[in-house]
Amino acid sequence: MICDDCNYYMWDEDDEMYYCTVNIDEDDLARIMESNFRQCPYFRHDDEYQIVKHQM
């Protein structure tokens, strides 16, 4: 999975780096790290046309 396409992957101008902005608690993070996820369960595709579809 490419993080660049995720809605939660945001640019921080102060650090000049991208960060994942999903609010994950320690328990959820531990489950993700211990499991065999091949893809992030919080991934949401950055689809600007999705908003337009709802407006039609």
C-alpha atoms as a PDB file:
ATOM      1  CA  MET A   1       0.000   0.000   0.000  1.00  0.00           C
ATOM      2  CA  ILE A   2       1.275   3.433  -0.872  1.00  0.00           C
ATOM      3  CA  CYS A   3       0.874   5.935   1.961  1.00  0.00           C
ATOM      4  CA  ASP A   4       0.996   8.867  -0.446  1.00  0.00           C
ATOM      5  CA  ASP A   5      -2.568   8.046  -1.526  1.00  0.00           C
ATOM      6  CA  CYS A   6      -3.970   7.982   2.006  1.00  0.00           C
ATOM      7  CA  ASN A   7      -6.211  10.757   3.321  1.00  0.00           C
ATOM      8  CA  TYR A   8      -4.455  10.567   6.689  1.00  0.00           C
ATOM      9  CA  TYR A   9      -0.952  11.165   5.318  1.00  0.00           C
ATOM     10  CA  MET A  10      -0.307  14.873   5.870  1.00  0.00           C
ATOM     11  CA  TRP A  11       2.629  17.204   5.278  1.00  0.00           C
ATOM     12  CA  ASP A  12       4.038  18.972   8.356  1.00  0.00           C
ATOM     13  CA  GLU A  13       5.619  22.257   7.291  1.00  0.00           C
ATOM     14  CA  ASP A  14       7.553  22.662  10.554  1.00  0.00           C
ATOM     15  CA  ASP A  15       9.324  19.296  10.316  1.00  0.00           C
ATOM     16  CA  GLU A  16       9.166  19.157   6.507  1.00  0.00           C
ATOM     17  CA  MET A  17       8.011  15.534   6.682  1.00  0.00           C
ATOM     18  CA  TYR A  18       4.853  13.531   6.070  1.00  0.00           C
ATOM     19  CA  TYR A  19       3.034  11.975   9.040  1.00  0.00           C
ATOM     20  CA  CYS A  20       0.132   9.609   9.438  1.00  0.00           C
ATOM     21  CA  THR A  21      -2.560  11.509  11.345  1.00  0.00           C
ATOM     22  CA  VAL A  22      -4.765   8.565  12.341  1.00  0.00           C
ATOM     23  CA  ASN A  23      -5.632   8.703  16.032  1.00  0.00           C
ATOM     24  CA  ILE A  24      -4.500   5.225  17.160  1.00  0.00           C
ATOM     25  CA  ASP A  25      -4.218   4.250  20.814  1.00  0.00           C
ATOM     26  CA  GLU A  26      -1.432   1.989  22.113  1.00  0.00           C
ATOM     27  CA  ASP A  27      -3.610  -1.138  22.170  1.00  0.00           C
ATOM     28  CA  ASP A  28      -4.649  -0.752  18.525  1.00  0.00           C
ATOM     29  CA  LEU A  29      -1.075  -0.052  17.473  1.00  0.00           C
ATOM     30  CA  ALA A  30       0.150  -3.173  19.296  1.00  0.00           C
ATOM     31  CA  ARG A  31      -2.513  -5.291  17.542  1.00  0.00           C
ATOM     32  CA  ILE A  32      -1.490  -3.919  14.157  1.00  0.00           C
ATOM     33  CA  MET A  33       2.208  -4.521  14.829  1.00  0.00           C
ATOM     34  CA  GLU A  34       1.630  -8.093  16.076  1.00  0.00           C
ATOM     35  CA  SER A  35      -0.788  -9.124  13.336  1.00  0.00           C
ATOM     36  CA  ASN A  36      -0.120 -10.103   9.760  1.00  0.00           C
ATOM     37  CA  PHE A  37      -1.734  -7.030   8.198  1.00  0.00           C
ATOM     38  CA  ARG A  38      -0.335  -6.465   4.780  1.00  0.00           C
ATOM     39  CA  GLN A  39      -2.300  -3.275   4.434  1.00  0.00           C
ATOM     40  CA  CYS A  40      -3.130  -0.569   6.928  1.00  0.00           C
ATOM     41  CA  PRO A  41      -6.666  -1.131   8.305  1.00  0.00           C
ATOM     42  CA  TYR A  42      -7.114   2.653   8.538  1.00  0.00           C
ATOM     43  CA  PHE A  43      -6.200   3.383   4.916  1.00  0.00           C
ATOM     44  CA  ARG A  44      -8.689   5.649   3.187  1.00  0.00           C
ATOM     45  CA  HIS A  45      -8.014   6.471  -0.439  1.00  0.00           C
ATOM     46  CA  ASP A  46      -7.674  10.169  -1.190  1.00  0.00           C
ATOM     47  CA  ASP A  47     -10.428  10.377  -3.789  1.00  0.00           C
ATOM     48  CA  GLU A  48     -11.505  13.937  -4.489  1.00  0.00           C
ATOM     49  CA  TYR A  49     -14.239  12.690  -6.824  1.00  0.00           C
ATOM     50  CA  GLN A  50     -15.951  10.824  -3.976  1.00  0.00           C
ATOM     51  CA  ILE A  51     -17.324  14.121  -2.650  1.00  0.00           C
ATOM     52  CA  VAL A  52     -18.696  15.013  -6.079  1.00  0.00           C
ATOM     53  CA  LYS A  53     -20.460  11.632  -6.321  1.00  0.00           C
ATOM     54  CA  HIS A  54     -22.348  12.372  -3.100  1.00  0.00           C
ATOM     55  CA  GLN A  55     -23.415  15.786  -4.361  1.00  0.00           C
ATOM     56  CA  MET A  56     -25.035  14.404  -7.526  1.00  0.00           C
END
